[in-house]
Amino acid sequence: MKCFDVKAIDPTTNRPCTFKHVSRDQLRQNEHGETVFRYNDHYDSCEVISVVEVPQSELDAMEAYFNRFGTACE
């Protein structure tokens, strides 16, 4: 599954914020052709500044790390 790092306007603070490892289903095009970010059920059309795809190598490295050491919640 592709993941993206999204820089968007945070709807709660109205300031630019980077959201890490956002799945493809949280991004969409609005009626004007602009990309918008679905933050949650209440804020589903946040203004996007930039979108960068996370390399598969980074996702693989994270998975290997978590498989070896676990996560903080375990």
C-alpha atoms as a PDB file:
ATOM      1  CA  MET A   1       0.000   0.000   0.000  1.00  0.00           C
ATOM      2  CA  LYS A   2       1.371   3.401  -0.953  1.00  0.00           C
ATOM      3  CA  CYS A   3       1.919   5.970   1.765  1.00  0.00           C
ATOM      4  CA  PHE A   4       2.531   9.686   1.463  1.00  0.00           C
ATOM      5  CA  ASP A   5       3.964  12.481   3.580  1.00  0.00           C
ATOM      6  CA  VAL A   6       1.419  15.281   3.285  1.00  0.00           C
ATOM      7  CA  LYS A   7       2.053  18.903   4.181  1.00  0.00           C
ATOM      8  CA  ALA A   8      -1.354  20.470   4.746  1.00  0.00           C
ATOM      9  CA  ILE A   9      -3.101  23.167   6.719  1.00  0.00           C
ATOM     10  CA  ASP A  10      -4.001  21.717  10.130  1.00  0.00           C
ATOM     11  CA  PRO A  11      -7.736  22.372  10.582  1.00  0.00           C
ATOM     12  CA  THR A  12      -7.481  22.816  14.355  1.00  0.00           C
ATOM     13  CA  THR A  13      -4.609  25.335  14.399  1.00  0.00           C
ATOM     14  CA  ASN A  14      -4.873  26.718  10.847  1.00  0.00           C
ATOM     15  CA  ARG A  15      -1.091  26.322  10.451  1.00  0.00           C
ATOM     16  CA  PRO A  16       0.978  24.176   8.055  1.00  0.00           C
ATOM     17  CA  CYS A  17       1.685  20.719   9.433  1.00  0.00           C
ATOM     18  CA  THR A  18       3.277  17.553   8.036  1.00  0.00           C
ATOM     19  CA  PHE A  19       1.246  14.376   8.342  1.00  0.00           C
ATOM     20  CA  LYS A  20       3.493  11.298   8.020  1.00  0.00           C
ATOM     21  CA  HIS A  21       2.574   8.034   6.288  1.00  0.00           C
ATOM     22  CA  VAL A  22      -0.880   9.006   5.048  1.00  0.00           C
ATOM     23  CA  SER A  23      -2.660   6.302   3.067  1.00  0.00           C
ATOM     24  CA  ARG A  24      -3.936   6.950  -0.454  1.00  0.00           C
ATOM     25  CA  ASP A  25      -7.590   6.779   0.593  1.00  0.00           C
ATOM     26  CA  GLN A  26      -7.223   9.957   2.709  1.00  0.00           C
ATOM     27  CA  LEU A  27      -6.342  12.023  -0.387  1.00  0.00           C
ATOM     28  CA  ARG A  28      -8.754  13.042  -3.134  1.00  0.00           C
ATOM     29  CA  GLN A  29      -9.366  15.673  -5.776  1.00  0.00           C
ATOM     30  CA  ASN A  30     -12.067  18.287  -5.176  1.00  0.00           C
ATOM     31  CA  GLU A  31     -14.344  19.771  -7.851  1.00  0.00           C
ATOM     32  CA  HIS A  32     -11.631  22.319  -8.790  1.00  0.00           C
ATOM     33  CA  GLY A  33      -8.984  19.630  -9.353  1.00  0.00           C
ATOM     34  CA  GLU A  34      -7.054  20.460  -6.169  1.00  0.00           C
ATOM     35  CA  THR A  35      -5.811  17.716  -3.871  1.00  0.00           C
ATOM     36  CA  VAL A  36      -7.462  17.748  -0.443  1.00  0.00           C
ATOM     37  CA  PHE A  37      -6.682  15.739   2.693  1.00  0.00           C
ATOM     38  CA  ARG A  38      -9.224  13.967   4.890  1.00  0.00           C
ATOM     39  CA  TYR A  39      -8.086  14.669   8.466  1.00  0.00           C
ATOM     40  CA  ASN A  40     -11.086  12.988  10.136  1.00  0.00           C
ATOM     41  CA  ASP A  41     -14.895  12.819   9.871  1.00  0.00           C
ATOM     42  CA  HIS A  42     -15.303  16.486  10.822  1.00  0.00           C
ATOM     43  CA  TYR A  43     -12.495  17.890   8.642  1.00  0.00           C
ATOM     44  CA  ASP A  44     -12.581  16.046   5.328  1.00  0.00           C
ATOM     45  CA  SER A  45     -11.302  18.750   2.946  1.00  0.00           C
ATOM     46  CA  CYS A  46      -8.069  20.186   4.368  1.00  0.00           C
ATOM     47  CA  GLU A  47      -5.965  22.295   2.003  1.00  0.00           C
ATOM     48  CA  VAL A  48      -2.852  20.425   0.820  1.00  0.00           C
ATOM     49  CA  ILE A  49       0.452  22.227   0.276  1.00  0.00           C
ATOM     50  CA  SER A  50       2.547  19.280  -0.944  1.00  0.00           C
ATOM     51  CA  VAL A  51       2.451  15.492  -1.232  1.00  0.00           C
ATOM     52  CA  VAL A  52       5.566  13.281  -1.306  1.00  0.00           C
ATOM     53  CA  GLU A  53       5.421   9.524  -1.763  1.00  0.00           C
ATOM     54  CA  VAL A  54       7.227   7.533   0.928  1.00  0.00           C
ATOM     55  CA  PRO A  55       9.788   5.193  -0.700  1.00  0.00           C
ATOM     56  CA  GLN A  56       9.074   1.475  -0.409  1.00  0.00           C
ATOM     57  CA  SER A  57      12.547   0.977   1.053  1.00  0.00           C
ATOM     58  CA  GLU A  58      11.608   3.185   4.030  1.00  0.00           C
ATOM     59  CA  LEU A  59       8.388   1.247   4.602  1.00  0.00           C
ATOM     60  CA  ASP A  60      10.296  -2.053   4.416  1.00  0.00           C
ATOM     61  CA  ALA A  61      12.893  -0.795   6.901  1.00  0.00           C
ATOM     62  CA  MET A  62      10.157   0.271   9.335  1.00  0.00           C
ATOM     63  CA  GLU A  63       8.445  -3.099   9.043  1.00  0.00           C
ATOM     64  CA  ALA A  64      11.712  -4.947   9.674  1.00  0.00           C
ATOM     65  CA  TYR A  65      12.407  -2.783  12.731  1.00  0.00           C
ATOM     66  CA  PHE A  66       8.942  -3.359  14.195  1.00  0.00           C
ATOM     67  CA  ASN A  67       9.152  -7.106  13.530  1.00  0.00           C
ATOM     68  CA  ARG A  68      12.475  -7.272  15.356  1.00  0.00           C
ATOM     69  CA  PHE A  69      11.925  -4.885  18.267  1.00  0.00           C
ATOM     70  CA  GLY A  70       8.147  -4.522  18.423  1.00  0.00           C
ATOM     71  CA  THR A  71       6.304  -1.278  19.026  1.00  0.00           C
ATOM     72  CA  ALA A  72       5.824   0.880  22.106  1.00  0.00           C
ATOM     73  CA  CYS A  73       2.323  -0.524  22.612  1.00  0.00           C
ATOM     74  CA  GLU A  74       3.422  -4.143  22.984  1.00  0.00           C
END
